[in-house]
Amino acid sequence: MRVLLTGHQGYLGTVMAPVLAAAGHEVVGLDAGLFADCVLGPRPADPPGQRVDLRDVTAEHVAGVDAVIHLAALSNDPLGSLAPELTYDINHHASVRLARLARDAGVQRFLYASTCSVYGAAGGDDLVGEDAPLRPVTPYAESKVRVEDDLHALSDGDFSPVYMRNATAFGHSPRLRADIVLNNLVGHALLSGEVLVLSDGTPWRPLVHAADIARAFAAALVAPREAVHDRAFNIGSEVNNVTVAEIAGQVAEAVAGSKVVITGETGADPRSYRVDFSRFRAAVPGFDCEWTVKQGALELADAYRKHGLTREDFEQRFTRLAVLRAASGAGTVDDTLRWRR
């Protein structure tokens, strides 16, 4: 199968591309390249691809493609809140435009990287399934809800969108992100000896390893149409439904000599939800996540040590908001996050 992978030079795309290739697919990448240099360790070997802003995609980019896996986005809540209008322009409007072009080109399956943060303010200890009310509390999560709605309207007998609501990712990728919770806490533990939690530690977070996300997308790509057509799936494992304080405790166990420090300075976080992941396991028999939070913390600590993670890299090169601010300050991107020629 010829698969267009958007965001192939991102944190998840760099992990997913070789998984798809190993499954026998021909992978073609598409990425704006804003984070292509956020590499820890040896530079990864990317699949053939084009450096294209998602807003500039044309019919030519989806011609001859059997399926699209759409990861590219302005990714995470602080970044989305910085420039909500760009979040909606890129994450929502450009994504839907890509889907229309794909449908018109005869693409049959469109796997969309959504997020469990669409449940945002679910609260409570009950498990949240895919049919639960959506309560996004950030522009990033709201953009995901809007895309899901618009893709549903595009679905038909030939075009199958699938909404992969990923839990919060963690784990090592050759293109690292340090601004997601487990990756961030492990970095703080190694660099300062403190597992620093700014909230009160009580919110629930569902976590999932980047490699398990890649395996889930690979499975959904070839699942029977009737099992996945126009359906939403939570991607993760119930065992990784943990509070932020529990995450911090597991990091402290993984990084010898570190201690948990919960400051509470940002107060209670309204984003709190425990998630039910059984629907995807039922739709794709044999699939289950392989990684626990503790295993991910150990993996990250080993990778950080091996590749000599520095505080400057941790706070600047591997934090999405800092990367874009630096590029803007240097004049390499404009106010709309397009490369300056």
C-alpha atoms as a PDB file:
ATOM      1  CA  MET A   1       0.000   0.000   0.000  1.00  0.00           C
ATOM      2  CA  ARG A   2       1.293   3.482  -0.853  1.00  0.00           C
ATOM      3  CA  VAL A   3       0.838   5.641   2.248  1.00  0.00           C
ATOM      4  CA  LEU A   4       1.196   9.396   2.548  1.00  0.00           C
ATOM      5  CA  LEU A   5       2.458  10.156   6.052  1.00  0.00           C
ATOM      6  CA  THR A   6       2.099  13.815   6.986  1.00  0.00           C
ATOM      7  CA  GLY A   7       4.357  14.996   9.792  1.00  0.00           C
ATOM      8  CA  HIS A   8       6.919  12.334   8.976  1.00  0.00           C
ATOM      9  CA  GLN A   9       9.697  14.508  10.440  1.00  0.00           C
ATOM     10  CA  GLY A  10       7.928  14.960  13.758  1.00  0.00           C
ATOM     11  CA  TYR A  11       8.118  13.152  17.086  1.00  0.00           C
ATOM     12  CA  LEU A  12       5.522  10.500  16.181  1.00  0.00           C
ATOM     13  CA  GLY A  13       6.161  10.397  12.435  1.00  0.00           C
ATOM     14  CA  THR A  14       9.824   9.555  12.922  1.00  0.00           C
ATOM     15  CA  VAL A  15       8.804   6.495  14.956  1.00  0.00           C
ATOM     16  CA  MET A  16       5.888   5.532  12.705  1.00  0.00           C
ATOM     17  CA  ALA A  17       7.588   5.647   9.295  1.00  0.00           C
ATOM     18  CA  PRO A  18       9.882   2.641   9.890  1.00  0.00           C
ATOM     19  CA  VAL A  19       7.006   0.660  11.442  1.00  0.00           C
ATOM     20  CA  LEU A  20       4.934   1.175   8.290  1.00  0.00           C
ATOM     21  CA  ALA A  21       7.884   0.332   6.040  1.00  0.00           C
ATOM     22  CA  ALA A  22       8.560  -2.864   8.002  1.00  0.00           C
ATOM     23  CA  ALA A  23       4.934  -3.857   7.410  1.00  0.00           C
ATOM     24  CA  GLY A  24       5.582  -3.691   3.666  1.00  0.00           C
ATOM     25  CA  HIS A  25       4.058  -0.311   2.846  1.00  0.00           C
ATOM     26  CA  GLU A  26       5.577   2.291   0.546  1.00  0.00           C
ATOM     27  CA  VAL A  27       5.807   5.401   2.710  1.00  0.00           C
ATOM     28  CA  VAL A  28       5.857   8.906   1.235  1.00  0.00           C
ATOM     29  CA  GLY A  29       6.398  11.782   3.645  1.00  0.00           C
ATOM     30  CA  LEU A  30       5.080  15.341   3.751  1.00  0.00           C
ATOM     31  CA  ASP A  31       6.252  17.820   6.364  1.00  0.00           C
ATOM     32  CA  ALA A  32       6.845  21.549   6.708  1.00  0.00           C
ATOM     33  CA  GLY A  33      10.171  20.716   8.368  1.00  0.00           C
ATOM     34  CA  LEU A  34       9.773  23.085  11.307  1.00  0.00           C
ATOM     35  CA  PHE A  35      11.019  20.437  13.739  1.00  0.00           C
ATOM     36  CA  ALA A  36      13.175  18.332  11.427  1.00  0.00           C
ATOM     37  CA  ASP A  37      16.351  19.311  13.308  1.00  0.00           C
ATOM     38  CA  CYS A  38      15.035  18.429  16.769  1.00  0.00           C
ATOM     39  CA  VAL A  39      17.212  15.316  16.787  1.00  0.00           C
ATOM     40  CA  LEU A  40      18.719  13.602  19.825  1.00  0.00           C
ATOM     41  CA  GLY A  41      21.458  11.223  18.780  1.00  0.00           C
ATOM     42  CA  PRO A  42      22.071  10.062  15.191  1.00  0.00           C
ATOM     43  CA  ARG A  43      19.907  11.677  12.549  1.00  0.00           C
ATOM     44  CA  PRO A  44      17.152   9.275  11.462  1.00  0.00           C
ATOM     45  CA  ALA A  45      16.784   8.010   7.912  1.00  0.00           C
ATOM     46  CA  ASP A  46      13.550   9.541   6.624  1.00  0.00           C
ATOM     47  CA  PRO A  47      11.378   8.027   3.904  1.00  0.00           C
ATOM     48  CA  PRO A  48      11.187   9.871   0.579  1.00  0.00           C
ATOM     49  CA  GLY A  49       9.240  13.030   1.184  1.00  0.00           C
ATOM     50  CA  GLN A  50       8.520  16.636   0.334  1.00  0.00           C
ATOM     51  CA  ARG A  51       8.921  19.763   2.436  1.00  0.00           C
ATOM     52  CA  VAL A  52       5.472  21.275   2.091  1.00  0.00           C
ATOM     53  CA  ASP A  53       3.417  23.418   4.439  1.00  0.00           C
ATOM     54  CA  LEU A  54       0.124  21.654   5.157  1.00  0.00           C
ATOM     55  CA  ARG A  55      -1.714  24.786   4.026  1.00  0.00           C
ATOM     56  CA  ASP A  56      -0.103  24.465   0.572  1.00  0.00           C
ATOM     57  CA  VAL A  57      -0.977  20.844  -0.204  1.00  0.00           C
ATOM     58  CA  THR A  58      -2.393  20.253  -3.702  1.00  0.00           C
ATOM     59  CA  ALA A  59      -4.028  17.360  -5.521  1.00  0.00           C
ATOM     60  CA  GLU A  60      -0.594  16.454  -6.848  1.00  0.00           C
ATOM     61  CA  HIS A  61       0.575  15.507  -3.344  1.00  0.00           C
ATOM     62  CA  VAL A  62      -2.145  12.884  -2.876  1.00  0.00           C
ATOM     63  CA  ALA A  63      -2.144  11.489  -6.425  1.00  0.00           C
ATOM     64  CA  GLY A  64      -1.516   7.749  -6.549  1.00  0.00           C
ATOM     65  CA  VAL A  65      -1.866   7.326  -2.789  1.00  0.00           C
ATOM     66  CA  ASP A  66      -3.880   4.457  -1.308  1.00  0.00           C
ATOM     67  CA  ALA A  67      -4.122   5.835   2.230  1.00  0.00           C
ATOM     68  CA  VAL A  68      -3.248   8.938   4.228  1.00  0.00           C
ATOM     69  CA  ILE A  69      -1.995   8.980   7.805  1.00  0.00           C
ATOM     70  CA  HIS A  70      -2.366  12.541   8.969  1.00  0.00           C
ATOM     71  CA  LEU A  71      -0.159  13.458  11.926  1.00  0.00           C
ATOM     72  CA  ALA A  72       0.964  16.970  10.960  1.00  0.00           C
ATOM     73  CA  ALA A  73      -0.312  19.687  13.288  1.00  0.00           C
ATOM     74  CA  LEU A  74       0.662  22.450  15.647  1.00  0.00           C
ATOM     75  CA  SER A  75       0.870  20.031  18.500  1.00  0.00           C
ATOM     76  CA  ASN A  76       0.124  20.599  22.166  1.00  0.00           C
ATOM     77  CA  ASP A  77      -1.942  22.924  24.311  1.00  0.00           C
ATOM     78  CA  PRO A  78       0.571  25.730  25.110  1.00  0.00           C
ATOM     79  CA  LEU A  79       1.442  26.088  21.433  1.00  0.00           C
ATOM     80  CA  GLY A  80      -2.211  26.102  20.414  1.00  0.00           C
ATOM     81  CA  SER A  81      -3.078  28.723  23.004  1.00  0.00           C
ATOM     82  CA  LEU A  82      -0.226  30.986  21.862  1.00  0.00           C
ATOM     83  CA  ALA A  83      -1.747  31.424  18.402  1.00  0.00           C
ATOM     84  CA  PRO A  84      -5.318  30.063  18.352  1.00  0.00           C
ATOM     85  CA  GLU A  85      -5.995  31.455  14.888  1.00  0.00           C
ATOM     86  CA  LEU A  86      -3.014  29.548  13.461  1.00  0.00           C
ATOM     87  CA  THR A  87      -4.086  26.417  15.308  1.00  0.00           C
ATOM     88  CA  TYR A  88      -7.476  26.545  13.612  1.00  0.00           C
ATOM     89  CA  ASP A  89      -5.971  27.503  10.254  1.00  0.00           C
ATOM     90  CA  ILE A  90      -3.452  24.649  10.227  1.00  0.00           C
ATOM     91  CA  ASN A  91      -4.961  21.969  12.453  1.00  0.00           C
ATOM     92  CA  HIS A  92      -8.554  22.393  11.317  1.00  0.00           C
ATOM     93  CA  HIS A  93      -8.960  24.058   7.922  1.00  0.00           C
ATOM     94  CA  ALA A  94      -5.813  22.678   6.288  1.00  0.00           C
ATOM     95  CA  SER A  95      -6.547  19.178   7.611  1.00  0.00           C
ATOM     96  CA  VAL A  96     -10.050  19.156   6.180  1.00  0.00           C
ATOM     97  CA  ARG A  97      -8.772  20.504   2.880  1.00  0.00           C
ATOM     98  CA  LEU A  98      -6.220  17.673   2.755  1.00  0.00           C
ATOM     99  CA  ALA A  99      -9.007  15.168   3.371  1.00  0.00           C
ATOM    100  CA  ARG A 100     -11.131  16.597   0.561  1.00  0.00           C
ATOM    101  CA  LEU A 101      -8.210  16.406  -1.842  1.00  0.00           C
ATOM    102  CA  ALA A 102      -7.530  12.834  -0.749  1.00  0.00           C
ATOM    103  CA  ARG A 103     -11.148  11.795  -1.200  1.00  0.00           C
ATOM    104  CA  ASP A 104     -11.289  13.397  -4.645  1.00  0.00           C
ATOM    105  CA  ALA A 105      -8.070  11.591  -5.601  1.00  0.00           C
ATOM    106  CA  GLY A 106      -9.576   8.226  -4.728  1.00  0.00           C
ATOM    107  CA  VAL A 107      -7.814   7.664  -1.390  1.00  0.00           C
ATOM    108  CA  GLN A 108      -9.813   5.047   0.461  1.00  0.00           C
ATOM    109  CA  ARG A 109      -8.596   5.331   4.053  1.00  0.00           C
ATOM    110  CA  PHE A 110      -7.700   8.464   6.015  1.00  0.00           C
ATOM    111  CA  LEU A 111      -6.282   7.871   9.485  1.00  0.00           C
ATOM    112  CA  TYR A 112      -6.527  11.068  11.494  1.00  0.00           C
ATOM    113  CA  ALA A 113      -4.395  11.657  14.579  1.00  0.00           C
ATOM    114  CA  SER A 114      -6.910  13.035  17.055  1.00  0.00           C
ATOM    115  CA  THR A 115      -6.440  13.138  20.823  1.00  0.00           C
ATOM    116  CA  CYS A 116      -7.928  12.011  24.101  1.00  0.00           C
ATOM    117  CA  SER A 117      -7.768  15.639  25.196  1.00  0.00           C
ATOM    118  CA  VAL A 118     -11.106  16.078  23.395  1.00  0.00           C
ATOM    119  CA  TYR A 119     -12.543  14.762  26.691  1.00  0.00           C
ATOM    120  CA  GLY A 120     -10.746  17.628  28.460  1.00  0.00           C
ATOM    121  CA  ALA A 121     -12.908  18.407  31.460  1.00  0.00           C
ATOM    122  CA  ALA A 122     -14.491  14.981  31.838  1.00  0.00           C
ATOM    123  CA  GLY A 123     -13.358  14.708  35.455  1.00  0.00           C
ATOM    124  CA  GLY A 124     -14.221  11.925  37.873  1.00  0.00           C
ATOM    125  CA  ASP A 125     -12.849   8.419  38.116  1.00  0.00           C
ATOM    126  CA  ASP A 126     -15.131   6.672  35.618  1.00  0.00           C
ATOM    127  CA  LEU A 127     -13.589   5.437  32.371  1.00  0.00           C
ATOM    128  CA  VAL A 128     -14.412   7.644  29.385  1.00  0.00           C
ATOM    129  CA  GLY A 129     -15.395   5.878  26.154  1.00  0.00           C
ATOM    130  CA  GLU A 130     -15.602   7.206  22.621  1.00  0.00           C
ATOM    131  CA  ASP A 131     -19.293   8.044  22.933  1.00  0.00           C
ATOM    132  CA  ALA A 132     -18.794  10.268  25.981  1.00  0.00           C
ATOM    133  CA  PRO A 133     -19.476  14.006  25.682  1.00  0.00           C
ATOM    134  CA  LEU A 134     -16.534  15.948  24.254  1.00  0.00           C
ATOM    135  CA  ARG A 135     -15.389  18.782  26.520  1.00  0.00           C
ATOM    136  CA  PRO A 136     -12.250  20.317  24.952  1.00  0.00           C
ATOM    137  CA  VAL A 137     -10.763  23.133  27.019  1.00  0.00           C
ATOM    138  CA  THR A 138      -7.998  24.349  24.668  1.00  0.00           C
ATOM    139  CA  PRO A 139      -7.817  25.529  21.031  1.00  0.00           C
ATOM    140  CA  TYR A 140      -5.693  22.451  20.235  1.00  0.00           C
ATOM    141  CA  ALA A 141      -8.349  20.022  21.483  1.00  0.00           C
ATOM    142  CA  GLU A 142     -11.162  22.062  19.963  1.00  0.00           C
ATOM    143  CA  SER A 143      -9.454  21.946  16.558  1.00  0.00           C
ATOM    144  CA  LYS A 144      -9.393  18.152  16.773  1.00  0.00           C
ATOM    145  CA  VAL A 145     -13.123  17.994  17.512  1.00  0.00           C
ATOM    146  CA  ARG A 146     -13.876  20.227  14.525  1.00  0.00           C
ATOM    147  CA  VAL A 147     -11.811  18.061  12.174  1.00  0.00           C
ATOM    148  CA  GLU A 148     -13.532  14.896  13.357  1.00  0.00           C
ATOM    149  CA  ASP A 149     -16.926  16.481  12.660  1.00  0.00           C
ATOM    150  CA  ASP A 150     -15.913  17.626   9.189  1.00  0.00           C
ATOM    151  CA  LEU A 151     -14.328  14.295   8.270  1.00  0.00           C
ATOM    152  CA  HIS A 152     -17.534  12.540   9.286  1.00  0.00           C
ATOM    153  CA  ALA A 153     -19.388  14.737   6.780  1.00  0.00           C
ATOM    154  CA  LEU A 154     -16.900  13.726   4.064  1.00  0.00           C
ATOM    155  CA  SER A 155     -17.168   9.974   4.682  1.00  0.00           C
ATOM    156  CA  ASP A 156     -18.945   7.904   2.067  1.00  0.00           C
ATOM    157  CA  GLY A 157     -18.927   4.487   0.471  1.00  0.00           C
ATOM    158  CA  ASP A 158     -15.433   4.990  -0.927  1.00  0.00           C
ATOM    159  CA  PHE A 159     -13.746   7.260   1.629  1.00  0.00           C
ATOM    160  CA  SER A 160     -13.175   5.968   5.166  1.00  0.00           C
ATOM    161  CA  PRO A 161     -11.913   8.415   7.764  1.00  0.00           C
ATOM    162  CA  VAL A 162     -10.814   6.911  11.091  1.00  0.00           C
ATOM    163  CA  TYR A 163     -10.366   9.051  14.202  1.00  0.00           C
ATOM    164  CA  MET A 164      -7.438   7.832  16.296  1.00  0.00           C
ATOM    165  CA  ARG A 165      -7.764   9.569  19.654  1.00  0.00           C
ATOM    166  CA  ASN A 166      -4.273   9.086  21.013  1.00  0.00           C
ATOM    167  CA  ALA A 167      -3.580   9.291  24.712  1.00  0.00           C
ATOM    168  CA  THR A 168      -0.707  11.580  25.710  1.00  0.00           C
ATOM    169  CA  ALA A 169       2.386  10.227  24.001  1.00  0.00           C
ATOM    170  CA  PHE A 170       5.619   9.342  25.744  1.00  0.00           C
ATOM    171  CA  GLY A 171       8.857   7.545  24.983  1.00  0.00           C
ATOM    172  CA  HIS A 172      12.035   7.977  23.025  1.00  0.00           C
ATOM    173  CA  SER A 173      11.988   9.160  19.424  1.00  0.00           C
ATOM    174  CA  PRO A 174      15.038  10.159  17.367  1.00  0.00           C
ATOM    175  CA  ARG A 175      13.187  13.481  17.035  1.00  0.00           C
ATOM    176  CA  LEU A 176      12.536  14.201  20.666  1.00  0.00           C
ATOM    177  CA  ARG A 177       9.864  16.241  22.346  1.00  0.00           C
ATOM    178  CA  ALA A 178      10.523  17.350  25.904  1.00  0.00           C
ATOM    179  CA  ASP A 179       7.224  19.208  26.342  1.00  0.00           C
ATOM    180  CA  ILE A 180       5.013  16.173  26.986  1.00  0.00           C
ATOM    181  CA  VAL A 181       4.541  15.039  30.533  1.00  0.00           C
ATOM    182  CA  LEU A 182       6.631  11.879  30.981  1.00  0.00           C
ATOM    183  CA  ASN A 183       9.438  13.019  28.671  1.00  0.00           C
ATOM    184  CA  ASN A 184       9.526  16.318  30.538  1.00  0.00           C
ATOM    185  CA  LEU A 185       9.573  14.851  34.030  1.00  0.00           C
ATOM    186  CA  VAL A 186      12.367  12.393  33.182  1.00  0.00           C
ATOM    187  CA  GLY A 187      14.445  15.252  31.788  1.00  0.00           C
ATOM    188  CA  HIS A 188      13.949  17.351  34.920  1.00  0.00           C
ATOM    189  CA  ALA A 189      14.844  14.382  37.107  1.00  0.00           C
ATOM    190  CA  LEU A 190      18.135  13.766  35.289  1.00  0.00           C
ATOM    191  CA  LEU A 191      19.166  17.391  34.895  1.00  0.00           C
ATOM    192  CA  SER A 192      18.160  18.736  38.307  1.00  0.00           C
ATOM    193  CA  GLY A 193      17.498  15.770  40.553  1.00  0.00           C
ATOM    194  CA  GLU A 194      13.910  16.910  40.959  1.00  0.00           C
ATOM    195  CA  VAL A 195      10.778  15.475  39.350  1.00  0.00           C
ATOM    196  CA  LEU A 196       9.130  18.871  39.084  1.00  0.00           C
ATOM    197  CA  VAL A 197       5.309  19.005  38.990  1.00  0.00           C
ATOM    198  CA  LEU A 198       3.827  22.491  38.715  1.00  0.00           C
ATOM    199  CA  SER A 199       0.188  21.441  39.118  1.00  0.00           C
ATOM    200  CA  ASP A 200      -1.267  19.858  42.249  1.00  0.00           C
ATOM    201  CA  GLY A 201      -0.640  16.404  40.761  1.00  0.00           C
ATOM    202  CA  THR A 202      -4.237  15.207  41.015  1.00  0.00           C
ATOM    203  CA  PRO A 203      -5.430  15.227  37.351  1.00  0.00           C
ATOM    204  CA  TRP A 204      -5.764  11.909  35.559  1.00  0.00           C
ATOM    205  CA  ARG A 205      -3.737  11.422  32.397  1.00  0.00           C
ATOM    206  CA  PRO A 206      -3.915   8.523  29.951  1.00  0.00           C
ATOM    207  CA  LEU A 207      -0.477   7.845  28.448  1.00  0.00           C
ATOM    208  CA  VAL A 208       0.698   5.789  25.453  1.00  0.00           C
ATOM    209  CA  HIS A 209       4.153   5.085  24.044  1.00  0.00           C
ATOM    210  CA  ALA A 210       4.997   6.505  20.611  1.00  0.00           C
ATOM    211  CA  ALA A 211       5.810   2.979  19.396  1.00  0.00           C
ATOM    212  CA  ASP A 212       2.383   1.714  20.475  1.00  0.00           C
ATOM    213  CA  ILE A 213       0.750   4.596  18.599  1.00  0.00           C
ATOM    214  CA  ALA A 214       2.715   3.589  15.503  1.00  0.00           C
ATOM    215  CA  ARG A 215       1.620  -0.036  15.864  1.00  0.00           C
ATOM    216  CA  ALA A 216      -2.017   1.023  16.311  1.00  0.00           C
ATOM    217  CA  PHE A 217      -1.974   3.107  13.128  1.00  0.00           C
ATOM    218  CA  ALA A 218      -0.342   0.266  11.213  1.00  0.00           C
ATOM    219  CA  ALA A 219      -3.087  -2.074  12.427  1.00  0.00           C
ATOM    220  CA  ALA A 220      -5.892   0.366  11.580  1.00  0.00           C
ATOM    221  CA  LEU A 221      -4.439   0.852   8.117  1.00  0.00           C
ATOM    222  CA  VAL A 222      -5.169  -2.753   7.119  1.00  0.00           C
ATOM    223  CA  ALA A 223      -8.177  -3.535   9.338  1.00  0.00           C
ATOM    224  CA  PRO A 224     -11.426  -4.530   7.565  1.00  0.00           C
ATOM    225  CA  ARG A 225     -13.332  -1.480   6.393  1.00  0.00           C
ATOM    226  CA  GLU A 226     -16.437  -2.377   8.371  1.00  0.00           C
ATOM    227  CA  ALA A 227     -14.385  -2.482  11.582  1.00  0.00           C
ATOM    228  CA  VAL A 228     -13.019   1.058  11.370  1.00  0.00           C
ATOM    229  CA  HIS A 229     -15.046   3.088   8.839  1.00  0.00           C
ATOM    230  CA  ASP A 230     -15.981   6.522  10.223  1.00  0.00           C
ATOM    231  CA  ARG A 231     -15.297   5.447  13.797  1.00  0.00           C
ATOM    232  CA  ALA A 232     -13.419   7.032  16.697  1.00  0.00           C
ATOM    233  CA  PHE A 233     -10.957   4.968  18.715  1.00  0.00           C
ATOM    234  CA  ASN A 234      -9.134   5.766  21.923  1.00  0.00           C
ATOM    235  CA  ILE A 235      -5.526   4.616  21.532  1.00  0.00           C
ATOM    236  CA  GLY A 236      -3.746   3.518  24.677  1.00  0.00           C
ATOM    237  CA  SER A 237      -4.059   1.116  27.588  1.00  0.00           C
ATOM    238  CA  GLU A 238      -6.044   1.291  30.822  1.00  0.00           C
ATOM    239  CA  VAL A 239      -2.932   0.352  32.813  1.00  0.00           C
ATOM    240  CA  ASN A 240      -1.460   3.712  31.771  1.00  0.00           C
ATOM    241  CA  ASN A 241      -4.349   5.756  33.174  1.00  0.00           C
ATOM    242  CA  VAL A 242      -2.372   7.505  35.917  1.00  0.00           C
ATOM    243  CA  THR A 243      -2.422  10.742  37.875  1.00  0.00           C
ATOM    244  CA  VAL A 244       0.319  13.273  37.320  1.00  0.00           C
ATOM    245  CA  ALA A 245       1.569  12.566  40.840  1.00  0.00           C
ATOM    246  CA  GLU A 246       1.743   8.840  40.039  1.00  0.00           C
ATOM    247  CA  ILE A 247       3.697   9.598  36.872  1.00  0.00           C
ATOM    248  CA  ALA A 248       6.139  11.636  38.940  1.00  0.00           C
ATOM    249  CA  GLY A 249       6.527   8.790  41.424  1.00  0.00           C
ATOM    250  CA  GLN A 250       7.369   6.324  38.668  1.00  0.00           C
ATOM    251  CA  VAL A 251       9.925   8.750  37.235  1.00  0.00           C
ATOM    252  CA  ALA A 252      11.582   9.066  40.648  1.00  0.00           C
ATOM    253  CA  GLU A 253      11.843   5.277  40.793  1.00  0.00           C
ATOM    254  CA  ALA A 254      13.377   5.155  37.311  1.00  0.00           C
ATOM    255  CA  VAL A 255      15.925   7.930  37.928  1.00  0.00           C
ATOM    256  CA  ALA A 256      17.971   7.002  40.979  1.00  0.00           C
ATOM    257  CA  GLY A 257      18.612   9.870  43.374  1.00  0.00           C
ATOM    258  CA  SER A 258      15.777  12.062  42.136  1.00  0.00           C
ATOM    259  CA  LYS A 259      12.872  13.227  44.292  1.00  0.00           C
ATOM    260  CA  VAL A 260       9.327  14.338  43.549  1.00  0.00           C
ATOM    261  CA  VAL A 261       8.610  18.053  44.047  1.00  0.00           C
ATOM    262  CA  ILE A 262       4.958  19.065  43.629  1.00  0.00           C
ATOM    263  CA  THR A 263       4.760  22.858  43.779  1.00  0.00           C
ATOM    264  CA  GLY A 264       1.071  23.268  42.964  1.00  0.00           C
ATOM    265  CA  GLU A 265       1.885  26.754  41.657  1.00  0.00           C
ATOM    266  CA  THR A 266      -0.357  26.394  38.598  1.00  0.00           C
ATOM    267  CA  GLY A 267      -3.242  25.057  40.700  1.00  0.00           C
ATOM    268  CA  ALA A 268      -5.691  22.371  39.705  1.00  0.00           C
ATOM    269  CA  ASP A 269      -5.703  21.454  36.001  1.00  0.00           C
ATOM    270  CA  PRO A 270      -9.228  21.170  34.493  1.00  0.00           C
ATOM    271  CA  ARG A 271      -7.954  18.557  32.020  1.00  0.00           C
ATOM    272  CA  SER A 272      -8.574  15.302  33.838  1.00  0.00           C
ATOM    273  CA  TYR A 273      -9.874  12.050  32.384  1.00  0.00           C
ATOM    274  CA  ARG A 274      -9.458   8.274  32.634  1.00  0.00           C
ATOM    275  CA  VAL A 275     -10.016   6.523  29.329  1.00  0.00           C
ATOM    276  CA  ASP A 276     -11.533   3.232  28.133  1.00  0.00           C
ATOM    277  CA  PHE A 277      -9.450   1.749  25.301  1.00  0.00           C
ATOM    278  CA  SER A 278     -11.427  -1.444  24.723  1.00  0.00           C
ATOM    279  CA  ARG A 279     -13.129  -0.423  21.467  1.00  0.00           C
ATOM    280  CA  PHE A 280      -9.933  -0.539  19.415  1.00  0.00           C
ATOM    281  CA  ARG A 281      -8.927  -3.895  20.876  1.00  0.00           C
ATOM    282  CA  ALA A 282     -12.333  -5.257  19.875  1.00  0.00           C
ATOM    283  CA  ALA A 283     -12.122  -3.797  16.370  1.00  0.00           C
ATOM    284  CA  VAL A 284      -8.558  -4.991  15.794  1.00  0.00           C
ATOM    285  CA  PRO A 285      -8.209  -8.358  17.558  1.00  0.00           C
ATOM    286  CA  GLY A 286      -4.701  -9.120  18.727  1.00  0.00           C
ATOM    287  CA  PHE A 287      -3.695  -5.505  19.277  1.00  0.00           C
ATOM    288  CA  ASP A 288      -2.615  -4.336  22.697  1.00  0.00           C
ATOM    289  CA  CYS A 289      -0.134  -1.781  23.947  1.00  0.00           C
ATOM    290  CA  GLU A 290       3.260  -3.108  24.984  1.00  0.00           C
ATOM    291  CA  TRP A 291       4.766  -0.246  26.977  1.00  0.00           C
ATOM    292  CA  THR A 292       4.082   0.839  30.562  1.00  0.00           C
ATOM    293  CA  VAL A 293       4.856   4.249  32.009  1.00  0.00           C
ATOM    294  CA  LYS A 294       7.648   2.778  34.141  1.00  0.00           C
ATOM    295  CA  GLN A 295       9.273   1.110  31.126  1.00  0.00           C
ATOM    296  CA  GLY A 296       9.039   4.376  29.199  1.00  0.00           C
ATOM    297  CA  ALA A 297      10.682   6.316  32.024  1.00  0.00           C
ATOM    298  CA  LEU A 298      13.595   3.872  32.092  1.00  0.00           C
ATOM    299  CA  GLU A 299      13.934   4.007  28.288  1.00  0.00           C
ATOM    300  CA  LEU A 300      13.960   7.809  28.273  1.00  0.00           C
ATOM    301  CA  ALA A 301      16.500   8.042  31.082  1.00  0.00           C
ATOM    302  CA  ASP A 302      18.821   5.672  29.212  1.00  0.00           C
ATOM    303  CA  ALA A 303      18.447   7.610  25.944  1.00  0.00           C
ATOM    304  CA  TYR A 304      19.000  10.976  27.632  1.00  0.00           C
ATOM    305  CA  ARG A 305      22.177   9.717  29.278  1.00  0.00           C
ATOM    306  CA  LYS A 306      23.465   7.948  26.177  1.00  0.00           C
ATOM    307  CA  HIS A 307      23.066  10.970  23.926  1.00  0.00           C
ATOM    308  CA  GLY A 308      24.168  13.580  26.455  1.00  0.00           C
ATOM    309  CA  LEU A 309      20.972  15.610  26.877  1.00  0.00           C
ATOM    310  CA  THR A 310      21.800  19.135  28.051  1.00  0.00           C
ATOM    311  CA  ARG A 311      19.599  21.628  29.841  1.00  0.00           C
ATOM    312  CA  GLU A 312      19.768  24.007  26.877  1.00  0.00           C
ATOM    313  CA  ASP A 313      18.614  21.308  24.477  1.00  0.00           C
ATOM    314  CA  PHE A 314      15.939  20.160  26.897  1.00  0.00           C
ATOM    315  CA  GLU A 315      14.462  23.625  27.367  1.00  0.00           C
ATOM    316  CA  GLN A 316      15.002  25.009  23.862  1.00  0.00           C
ATOM    317  CA  ARG A 317      15.625  22.538  21.042  1.00  0.00           C
ATOM    318  CA  PHE A 318      13.148  19.903  22.203  1.00  0.00           C
ATOM    319  CA  THR A 319      10.321  22.206  23.315  1.00  0.00           C
ATOM    320  CA  ARG A 320       7.971  23.071  20.474  1.00  0.00           C
ATOM    321  CA  LEU A 321       7.060  26.567  21.634  1.00  0.00           C
ATOM    322  CA  ALA A 322      10.705  27.510  22.207  1.00  0.00           C
ATOM    323  CA  VAL A 323      11.706  26.201  18.760  1.00  0.00           C
ATOM    324  CA  LEU A 324       9.104  28.331  17.010  1.00  0.00           C
ATOM    325  CA  ARG A 325       9.897  31.409  19.081  1.00  0.00           C
ATOM    326  CA  ALA A 326      13.579  31.023  18.242  1.00  0.00           C
ATOM    327  CA  ALA A 327      12.826  30.625  14.526  1.00  0.00           C
ATOM    328  CA  SER A 328      10.584  33.682  14.609  1.00  0.00           C
ATOM    329  CA  GLY A 329      13.194  35.723  16.471  1.00  0.00           C
ATOM    330  CA  ALA A 330      15.848  34.697  13.966  1.00  0.00           C
ATOM    331  CA  GLY A 331      13.581  35.666  11.080  1.00  0.00           C
ATOM    332  CA  THR A 332      13.558  32.207   9.518  1.00  0.00           C
ATOM    333  CA  VAL A 333       9.764  31.952   9.832  1.00  0.00           C
ATOM    334  CA  ASP A 334       7.188  34.695   9.582  1.00  0.00           C
ATOM    335  CA  ASP A 335       4.242  35.475  11.861  1.00  0.00           C
ATOM    336  CA  THR A 336       2.175  32.755  10.219  1.00  0.00           C
ATOM    337  CA  LEU A 337       4.903  30.129  10.809  1.00  0.00           C
ATOM    338  CA  ARG A 338       5.810  29.911   7.138  1.00  0.00           C
ATOM    339  CA  TRP A 339       9.438  29.687   6.106  1.00  0.00           C
ATOM    340  CA  ARG A 340      10.835  32.968   4.803  1.00  0.00           C
ATOM    341  CA  ARG A 341      12.350  32.531   1.364  1.00  0.00           C
END
